[in-house]
Amino acid sequence: MSVRSPPASCVALSIPGICTAPGAEFPADDEMFVLQRSIEAALPQDPSHVVQFTASRAGEGTSTVTQALGMFLAVRARRTTLILEANEANPCVQEPQDAERLIGWNETILGNKPPQRAIYASGFPRLWSSPLCVCGGAVAPVRDGAALAAFFEKLREWFDYVLIDSGPVTGCPGALAMAQHADGTVLVLEAERTRWPVALSAKNAILRVGGRVLGTVLNKRRHHIPSPIYRWL
C-alpha cells in the first residue's frame, strides 16, 4: 500500500486538460497491468518510479498511453501517481483565472519556486497532474540537468509513480533532456505505421544521451480478426 502523498500545499483543485474527467473511458485492465508489471520488473530496486513516455514522431499516441496507465495505477493499483506533461512542441496550455496561483512545473524550476505549486488534483483518487505551462506563449524546455535531477528527486518523495508525457524525440530537445534523468523511457510506436529504422533512430538517440530504454508499447493496433480470438493465439 502506498504511503506517499503530495504535500498539503499542492493546489487541491483541478484544471482542465489532463485526466480531469471522472467519466473518462477507463483503460483495459489487462493491458495496463502488464505494462505496470513490465516497468516494475525492469526497475526492481526503485521504491518509486520516474518513467518517461515518448515516441519517434508526433501522433503515435504517447499522451493516450500515459494517461491510461496513470488512471490504472491510481485507481486500480492504488498507487499515488503524477502525470507530468512535458511536450514543449504541443503543450496543454491553460488560461487560469488566477494567474498568480496557477503555474506550470517549468516555471517552478526556472523561477526557483516550490514544485508543489505546479501540482494539481485530478478527477480521480490518488492521481495528480502537472502541466508544463498554464499561460500562453512560447514554452522553453528545461535543459538544466542539475535542476531537473533535483526536481525529480523531490517528486519521488511524494509519488509512487511519476509518468512523463514527453513530446517525440525528433524535434523536442526537452524529450532527450528528460531521458537523461528519468529511471527509464518507454517508446510508444504506432502499430503498422512506424518504420523500424525510425524507431531504432529514436532508441539510439535516447541511448546516446545516457537514457535507458525499458521497452516499447505498440499503440493503435488493428485487430484483423475478432479480438477474442487473439486470446487463443
C-alpha atoms as a PDB file:
ATOM      1  CA  MET A   1       0.000   0.000   0.000  1.00  0.00           C
ATOM      2  CA  SER A   2       1.307   3.423  -0.918  1.00  0.00           C
ATOM      3  CA  VAL A   3       2.433   5.719   1.876  1.00  0.00           C
ATOM      4  CA  ARG A   4       3.495   8.578  -0.399  1.00  0.00           C
ATOM      5  CA  SER A   5       1.282  11.591  -0.852  1.00  0.00           C
ATOM      6  CA  PRO A   6       1.785  15.088  -2.208  1.00  0.00           C
ATOM      7  CA  PRO A   7       2.180  17.875   0.359  1.00  0.00           C
ATOM      8  CA  ALA A   8      -0.863  19.724   1.625  1.00  0.00           C
ATOM      9  CA  SER A   9       0.426  22.870  -0.052  1.00  0.00           C
ATOM     10  CA  CYS A  10      -0.320  21.437  -3.510  1.00  0.00           C
ATOM     11  CA  VAL A  11      -3.213  23.095  -5.311  1.00  0.00           C
ATOM     12  CA  ALA A  12      -6.241  20.979  -4.438  1.00  0.00           C
ATOM     13  CA  LEU A  13      -8.318  21.903  -7.460  1.00  0.00           C
ATOM     14  CA  SER A  14      -8.482  20.572 -10.963  1.00  0.00           C
ATOM     15  CA  ILE A  15      -7.512  22.367 -14.124  1.00  0.00           C
ATOM     16  CA  PRO A  16      -8.819  21.068 -17.459  1.00  0.00           C
ATOM     17  CA  GLY A  17      -6.603  19.165 -19.823  1.00  0.00           C
ATOM     18  CA  ILE A  18      -5.023  16.229 -18.013  1.00  0.00           C
ATOM     19  CA  CYS A  19      -7.121  13.347 -16.662  1.00  0.00           C
ATOM     20  CA  THR A  20      -9.730  15.611 -15.103  1.00  0.00           C
ATOM     21  CA  ALA A  21     -12.950  14.000 -16.311  1.00  0.00           C
ATOM     22  CA  PRO A  22     -14.321  11.425 -13.820  1.00  0.00           C
ATOM     23  CA  GLY A  23     -16.426   9.931 -16.603  1.00  0.00           C
ATOM     24  CA  ALA A  24     -13.485   9.352 -18.924  1.00  0.00           C
ATOM     25  CA  GLU A  25     -13.158   5.958 -20.570  1.00  0.00           C
ATOM     26  CA  PHE A  26     -11.170   3.637 -18.342  1.00  0.00           C
ATOM     27  CA  PRO A  27      -8.238   1.722 -19.853  1.00  0.00           C
ATOM     28  CA  ALA A  28      -8.213  -2.033 -20.336  1.00  0.00           C
ATOM     29  CA  ASP A  29      -7.090  -3.527 -17.029  1.00  0.00           C
ATOM     30  CA  ASP A  30      -5.139  -6.424 -18.505  1.00  0.00           C
ATOM     31  CA  GLU A  31      -3.026  -4.310 -20.846  1.00  0.00           C
ATOM     32  CA  MET A  32      -2.211  -1.715 -18.184  1.00  0.00           C
ATOM     33  CA  PHE A  33      -1.479  -4.441 -15.624  1.00  0.00           C
ATOM     34  CA  VAL A  34       1.090  -5.979 -17.984  1.00  0.00           C
ATOM     35  CA  LEU A  35       2.644  -2.568 -18.598  1.00  0.00           C
ATOM     36  CA  GLN A  36       2.882  -1.865 -14.859  1.00  0.00           C
ATOM     37  CA  ARG A  37       4.487  -5.245 -14.154  1.00  0.00           C
ATOM     38  CA  SER A  38       6.931  -4.822 -17.022  1.00  0.00           C
ATOM     39  CA  ILE A  39       8.084  -1.462 -15.667  1.00  0.00           C
ATOM     40  CA  GLU A  40       8.469  -2.817 -12.150  1.00  0.00           C
ATOM     41  CA  ALA A  41      10.398  -5.840 -13.416  1.00  0.00           C
ATOM     42  CA  ALA A  42      12.807  -3.545 -15.251  1.00  0.00           C
ATOM     43  CA  LEU A  43      13.232  -1.289 -12.192  1.00  0.00           C
ATOM     44  CA  PRO A  44      13.076  -3.743  -9.276  1.00  0.00           C
ATOM     45  CA  GLN A  45      15.259  -1.731  -6.873  1.00  0.00           C
ATOM     46  CA  ASP A  46      13.411   1.565  -7.089  1.00  0.00           C
ATOM     47  CA  PRO A  47      10.834   2.340  -4.357  1.00  0.00           C
ATOM     48  CA  SER A  48       9.298   4.937  -6.671  1.00  0.00           C
ATOM     49  CA  HIS A  49       9.465   5.209 -10.444  1.00  0.00           C
ATOM     50  CA  VAL A  50      10.051   8.151 -12.769  1.00  0.00           C
ATOM     51  CA  VAL A  51       9.188   6.815 -16.230  1.00  0.00           C
ATOM     52  CA  GLN A  52       9.234   8.777 -19.456  1.00  0.00           C
ATOM     53  CA  PHE A  53       6.898   8.033 -22.346  1.00  0.00           C
ATOM     54  CA  THR A  54       7.951   9.349 -25.746  1.00  0.00           C
ATOM     55  CA  ALA A  55       7.737   8.487 -29.432  1.00  0.00           C
ATOM     56  CA  SER A  56       9.759   8.682 -32.610  1.00  0.00           C
ATOM     57  CA  ARG A  57       7.339  11.164 -34.182  1.00  0.00           C
ATOM     58  CA  ALA A  58       4.182  13.112 -33.383  1.00  0.00           C
ATOM     59  CA  GLY A  59       0.799  11.400 -33.448  1.00  0.00           C
ATOM     60  CA  GLU A  60       1.762   7.963 -32.129  1.00  0.00           C
ATOM     61  CA  GLY A  61      -0.456   8.245 -29.039  1.00  0.00           C
ATOM     62  CA  THR A  62       2.025   8.958 -26.250  1.00  0.00           C
ATOM     63  CA  SER A  63      -0.454  11.027 -24.225  1.00  0.00           C
ATOM     64  CA  THR A  64      -3.165   8.384 -24.594  1.00  0.00           C
ATOM     65  CA  VAL A  65      -0.914   5.638 -23.235  1.00  0.00           C
ATOM     66  CA  THR A  66       0.471   7.812 -20.426  1.00  0.00           C
ATOM     67  CA  GLN A  67      -2.946   8.887 -19.202  1.00  0.00           C
ATOM     68  CA  ALA A  68      -4.370   5.364 -19.464  1.00  0.00           C
ATOM     69  CA  LEU A  69      -1.550   3.973 -17.332  1.00  0.00           C
ATOM     70  CA  GLY A  70      -1.879   6.870 -14.886  1.00  0.00           C
ATOM     71  CA  MET A  71      -5.576   6.153 -14.337  1.00  0.00           C
ATOM     72  CA  PHE A  72      -4.915   2.445 -13.901  1.00  0.00           C
ATOM     73  CA  LEU A  73      -2.100   2.948 -11.397  1.00  0.00           C
ATOM     74  CA  ALA A  74      -4.056   5.441  -9.317  1.00  0.00           C
ATOM     75  CA  VAL A  75      -7.491   3.839  -9.307  1.00  0.00           C
ATOM     76  CA  ARG A  76      -6.895   0.102  -9.799  1.00  0.00           C
ATOM     77  CA  ALA A  77      -3.380  -0.374  -8.394  1.00  0.00           C
ATOM     78  CA  ARG A  78      -3.859   2.328  -5.721  1.00  0.00           C
ATOM     79  CA  ARG A  79      -0.508   3.981  -6.388  1.00  0.00           C
ATOM     80  CA  THR A  80      -0.039   7.701  -5.846  1.00  0.00           C
ATOM     81  CA  THR A  81       0.630   8.885  -9.396  1.00  0.00           C
ATOM     82  CA  LEU A  82       1.639  12.134 -11.087  1.00  0.00           C
ATOM     83  CA  ILE A  83       1.323  12.766 -14.819  1.00  0.00           C
ATOM     84  CA  LEU A  84       3.954  15.308 -15.802  1.00  0.00           C
ATOM     85  CA  GLU A  85       3.047  16.964 -19.101  1.00  0.00           C
ATOM     86  CA  ALA A  86       6.313  17.704 -20.910  1.00  0.00           C
ATOM     87  CA  ASN A  87       5.630  18.197 -24.611  1.00  0.00           C
ATOM     88  CA  GLU A  88       7.074  21.619 -25.410  1.00  0.00           C
ATOM     89  CA  ALA A  89       6.080  21.203 -29.068  1.00  0.00           C
ATOM     90  CA  ASN A  90       2.380  20.877 -28.199  1.00  0.00           C
ATOM     91  CA  PRO A  91       1.766  21.775 -24.542  1.00  0.00           C
ATOM     92  CA  CYS A  92      -1.645  21.581 -22.903  1.00  0.00           C
ATOM     93  CA  VAL A  93      -1.808  25.346 -22.453  1.00  0.00           C
ATOM     94  CA  GLN A  94      -4.371  26.608 -19.947  1.00  0.00           C
ATOM     95  CA  GLU A  95      -5.674  30.071 -19.246  1.00  0.00           C
ATOM     96  CA  PRO A  96      -6.008  30.235 -15.454  1.00  0.00           C
ATOM     97  CA  GLN A  97      -8.406  32.603 -13.734  1.00  0.00           C
ATOM     98  CA  ASP A  98      -5.852  33.188 -11.012  1.00  0.00           C
ATOM     99  CA  ALA A  99      -2.518  33.590 -12.768  1.00  0.00           C
ATOM    100  CA  GLU A 100      -0.747  34.287  -9.519  1.00  0.00           C
ATOM    101  CA  ARG A 101      -1.768  30.916  -8.135  1.00  0.00           C
ATOM    102  CA  LEU A 102      -1.634  28.553 -11.104  1.00  0.00           C
ATOM    103  CA  ILE A 103       1.735  27.917 -12.729  1.00  0.00           C
ATOM    104  CA  GLY A 104       3.409  25.191 -14.758  1.00  0.00           C
ATOM    105  CA  TRP A 105       6.205  22.986 -13.478  1.00  0.00           C
ATOM    106  CA  ASN A 106       8.773  24.564 -15.808  1.00  0.00           C
ATOM    107  CA  GLU A 107       8.100  27.895 -14.083  1.00  0.00           C
ATOM    108  CA  THR A 108       8.871  26.376 -10.693  1.00  0.00           C
ATOM    109  CA  ILE A 109      12.309  25.335 -11.959  1.00  0.00           C
ATOM    110  CA  LEU A 110      13.118  28.445 -13.973  1.00  0.00           C
ATOM    111  CA  GLY A 111      11.766  30.727 -11.252  1.00  0.00           C
ATOM    112  CA  ASN A 112      13.140  28.739  -8.294  1.00  0.00           C
ATOM    113  CA  LYS A 113       9.654  28.242  -6.845  1.00  0.00           C
ATOM    114  CA  PRO A 114       8.354  25.318  -4.745  1.00  0.00           C
ATOM    115  CA  PRO A 115       7.477  22.416  -7.112  1.00  0.00           C
ATOM    116  CA  GLN A 116       4.218  21.705  -5.256  1.00  0.00           C
ATOM    117  CA  ARG A 117       2.808  24.940  -6.645  1.00  0.00           C
ATOM    118  CA  ALA A 118       2.504  23.245 -10.053  1.00  0.00           C
ATOM    119  CA  ILE A 119       0.851  20.003  -8.870  1.00  0.00           C
ATOM    120  CA  TYR A 120      -2.914  19.814  -9.304  1.00  0.00           C
ATOM    121  CA  ALA A 121      -5.615  17.364  -8.314  1.00  0.00           C
ATOM    122  CA  SER A 122      -7.379  15.346 -10.996  1.00  0.00           C
ATOM    123  CA  GLY A 123     -10.849  13.892 -11.110  1.00  0.00           C
ATOM    124  CA  PHE A 124      -9.544  10.523  -9.893  1.00  0.00           C
ATOM    125  CA  PRO A 125      -8.320   9.416  -6.447  1.00  0.00           C
ATOM    126  CA  ARG A 126      -4.523   9.343  -5.982  1.00  0.00           C
ATOM    127  CA  LEU A 127      -3.996  10.848  -9.445  1.00  0.00           C
ATOM    128  CA  TRP A 128      -2.366  14.254  -9.821  1.00  0.00           C
ATOM    129  CA  SER A 129      -1.193  16.233 -12.819  1.00  0.00           C
ATOM    130  CA  SER A 130       1.384  18.886 -13.535  1.00  0.00           C
ATOM    131  CA  PRO A 131       1.193  20.913 -16.759  1.00  0.00           C
ATOM    132  CA  LEU A 132       4.279  22.224 -18.478  1.00  0.00           C
ATOM    133  CA  CYS A 133       2.710  25.685 -18.538  1.00  0.00           C
ATOM    134  CA  VAL A 134      -0.620  27.343 -17.831  1.00  0.00           C
ATOM    135  CA  CYS A 135      -0.301  30.590 -19.797  1.00  0.00           C
ATOM    136  CA  GLY A 136       0.013  31.224 -23.496  1.00  0.00           C
ATOM    137  CA  GLY A 137       3.270  31.962 -25.279  1.00  0.00           C
ATOM    138  CA  ALA A 138       6.358  30.029 -26.232  1.00  0.00           C
ATOM    139  CA  VAL A 139       7.487  27.295 -23.869  1.00  0.00           C
ATOM    140  CA  ALA A 140      11.180  26.978 -23.133  1.00  0.00           C
ATOM    141  CA  PRO A 141      12.217  23.408 -22.321  1.00  0.00           C
ATOM    142  CA  VAL A 142      14.212  22.974 -19.135  1.00  0.00           C
ATOM    143  CA  ARG A 143      17.693  21.752 -20.026  1.00  0.00           C
ATOM    144  CA  ASP A 144      19.471  22.327 -16.725  1.00  0.00           C
ATOM    145  CA  GLY A 145      20.405  18.767 -15.777  1.00  0.00           C
ATOM    146  CA  ALA A 146      21.056  19.504 -12.108  1.00  0.00           C
ATOM    147  CA  ALA A 147      17.738  21.340 -11.754  1.00  0.00           C
ATOM    148  CA  LEU A 148      15.814  18.503 -13.433  1.00  0.00           C
ATOM    149  CA  ALA A 149      17.503  15.892 -11.240  1.00  0.00           C
ATOM    150  CA  ALA A 150      16.645  17.829  -8.073  1.00  0.00           C
ATOM    151  CA  PHE A 151      13.067  18.298  -9.299  1.00  0.00           C
ATOM    152  CA  PHE A 152      12.610  14.563  -9.893  1.00  0.00           C
ATOM    153  CA  GLU A 153      14.101  13.673  -6.512  1.00  0.00           C
ATOM    154  CA  LYS A 154      11.527  15.866  -4.804  1.00  0.00           C
ATOM    155  CA  LEU A 155       8.704  14.256  -6.773  1.00  0.00           C
ATOM    156  CA  ARG A 156       9.940  10.811  -5.701  1.00  0.00           C
ATOM    157  CA  GLU A 157       9.229  11.757  -2.095  1.00  0.00           C
ATOM    158  CA  TRP A 158       5.576  12.394  -2.899  1.00  0.00           C
ATOM    159  CA  PHE A 159       4.597   9.881  -5.595  1.00  0.00           C
ATOM    160  CA  ASP A 160       4.938   6.167  -6.246  1.00  0.00           C
ATOM    161  CA  TYR A 161       4.906   6.856  -9.983  1.00  0.00           C
ATOM    162  CA  VAL A 162       5.831   9.932 -11.987  1.00  0.00           C
ATOM    163  CA  LEU A 163       4.818   9.427 -15.625  1.00  0.00           C
ATOM    164  CA  ILE A 164       6.431  11.915 -18.005  1.00  0.00           C
ATOM    165  CA  ASP A 165       4.307  12.617 -21.079  1.00  0.00           C
ATOM    166  CA  SER A 166       7.057  13.823 -23.434  1.00  0.00           C
ATOM    167  CA  GLY A 167       6.990  15.072 -26.966  1.00  0.00           C
ATOM    168  CA  PRO A 168       8.621  12.984 -29.710  1.00  0.00           C
ATOM    169  CA  VAL A 169      12.380  12.555 -29.682  1.00  0.00           C
ATOM    170  CA  THR A 170      12.624  14.219 -33.088  1.00  0.00           C
ATOM    171  CA  GLY A 171      12.030  17.940 -32.753  1.00  0.00           C
ATOM    172  CA  CYS A 172      11.730  18.110 -28.961  1.00  0.00           C
ATOM    173  CA  PRO A 173      15.047  18.772 -27.213  1.00  0.00           C
ATOM    174  CA  GLY A 174      13.306  18.507 -23.873  1.00  0.00           C
ATOM    175  CA  ALA A 175      12.494  14.853 -24.535  1.00  0.00           C
ATOM    176  CA  LEU A 176      16.167  13.901 -24.577  1.00  0.00           C
ATOM    177  CA  ALA A 177      16.851  16.034 -21.501  1.00  0.00           C
ATOM    178  CA  MET A 178      14.116  14.128 -19.681  1.00  0.00           C
ATOM    179  CA  ALA A 179      15.533  10.789 -20.825  1.00  0.00           C
ATOM    180  CA  GLN A 180      18.817  11.562 -19.104  1.00  0.00           C
ATOM    181  CA  HIS A 181      17.199  11.895 -15.674  1.00  0.00           C
ATOM    182  CA  ALA A 182      14.231   9.513 -15.761  1.00  0.00           C
ATOM    183  CA  ASP A 183      14.653   5.971 -14.443  1.00  0.00           C
ATOM    184  CA  GLY A 184      13.785   4.716 -17.886  1.00  0.00           C
ATOM    185  CA  THR A 185      11.971   5.502 -21.121  1.00  0.00           C
ATOM    186  CA  VAL A 186       9.131   3.689 -22.854  1.00  0.00           C
ATOM    187  CA  LEU A 187       8.858   4.224 -26.613  1.00  0.00           C
ATOM    188  CA  VAL A 188       5.288   4.431 -27.933  1.00  0.00           C
ATOM    189  CA  LEU A 189       5.064   3.237 -31.534  1.00  0.00           C
ATOM    190  CA  GLU A 190       2.053   3.253 -33.817  1.00  0.00           C
ATOM    191  CA  ALA A 191       1.487  -0.310 -34.960  1.00  0.00           C
ATOM    192  CA  GLU A 192       1.754  -0.916 -38.709  1.00  0.00           C
ATOM    193  CA  ARG A 193       2.762   2.719 -39.324  1.00  0.00           C
ATOM    194  CA  THR A 194       6.097   3.422 -37.650  1.00  0.00           C
ATOM    195  CA  ARG A 195       9.017   2.105 -39.707  1.00  0.00           C
ATOM    196  CA  TRP A 196      11.654   0.187 -37.790  1.00  0.00           C
ATOM    197  CA  PRO A 197      14.580   2.453 -38.884  1.00  0.00           C
ATOM    198  CA  VAL A 198      12.705   5.432 -37.437  1.00  0.00           C
ATOM    199  CA  ALA A 199      12.039   3.606 -34.164  1.00  0.00           C
ATOM    200  CA  LEU A 200      15.659   2.450 -33.988  1.00  0.00           C
ATOM    201  CA  SER A 201      16.883   6.009 -34.554  1.00  0.00           C
ATOM    202  CA  ALA A 202      14.733   7.234 -31.646  1.00  0.00           C
ATOM    203  CA  LYS A 203      16.040   4.478 -29.397  1.00  0.00           C
ATOM    204  CA  ASN A 204      19.653   5.241 -30.288  1.00  0.00           C
ATOM    205  CA  ALA A 205      19.144   8.955 -29.643  1.00  0.00           C
ATOM    206  CA  ILE A 206      17.965   8.154 -26.107  1.00  0.00           C
ATOM    207  CA  LEU A 207      20.895   5.817 -25.509  1.00  0.00           C
ATOM    208  CA  ARG A 208      23.402   8.385 -26.758  1.00  0.00           C
ATOM    209  CA  VAL A 209      22.407  10.868 -24.035  1.00  0.00           C
ATOM    210  CA  GLY A 210      22.677   8.213 -21.343  1.00  0.00           C
ATOM    211  CA  GLY A 211      18.999   7.281 -21.163  1.00  0.00           C
ATOM    212  CA  ARG A 212      17.653   3.788 -20.605  1.00  0.00           C
ATOM    213  CA  VAL A 213      15.001   2.303 -22.909  1.00  0.00           C
ATOM    214  CA  LEU A 214      12.745  -0.019 -20.915  1.00  0.00           C
ATOM    215  CA  GLY A 215      10.774  -1.244 -23.912  1.00  0.00           C
ATOM    216  CA  THR A 216       8.102  -0.298 -26.412  1.00  0.00           C
ATOM    217  CA  VAL A 217       4.331  -0.063 -26.498  1.00  0.00           C
ATOM    218  CA  LEU A 218       2.572  -0.809 -29.774  1.00  0.00           C
ATOM    219  CA  ASN A 219      -0.332   1.602 -29.892  1.00  0.00           C
ATOM    220  CA  LYS A 220      -3.349   1.754 -32.200  1.00  0.00           C
ATOM    221  CA  ARG A 221      -3.186  -1.943 -33.019  1.00  0.00           C
ATOM    222  CA  ARG A 222      -5.697  -3.065 -35.601  1.00  0.00           C
ATOM    223  CA  HIS A 223      -7.399  -6.406 -34.992  1.00  0.00           C
ATOM    224  CA  HIS A 224      -7.807  -8.042 -38.384  1.00  0.00           C
ATOM    225  CA  ILE A 225      -9.647 -10.973 -36.817  1.00  0.00           C
ATOM    226  CA  PRO A 226     -12.198 -10.824 -33.970  1.00  0.00           C
ATOM    227  CA  SER A 227     -10.343  -9.661 -30.833  1.00  0.00           C
ATOM    228  CA  PRO A 228     -11.458 -12.567 -28.544  1.00  0.00           C
ATOM    229  CA  ILE A 229      -9.589 -14.983 -30.833  1.00  0.00           C
ATOM    230  CA  TYR A 230      -6.298 -13.242 -30.014  1.00  0.00           C
ATOM    231  CA  ARG A 231      -6.540 -14.769 -26.513  1.00  0.00           C
ATOM    232  CA  TRP A 232      -6.066 -18.204 -28.100  1.00  0.00           C
ATOM    233  CA  LEU A 233      -3.146 -17.333 -30.354  1.00  0.00           C
END
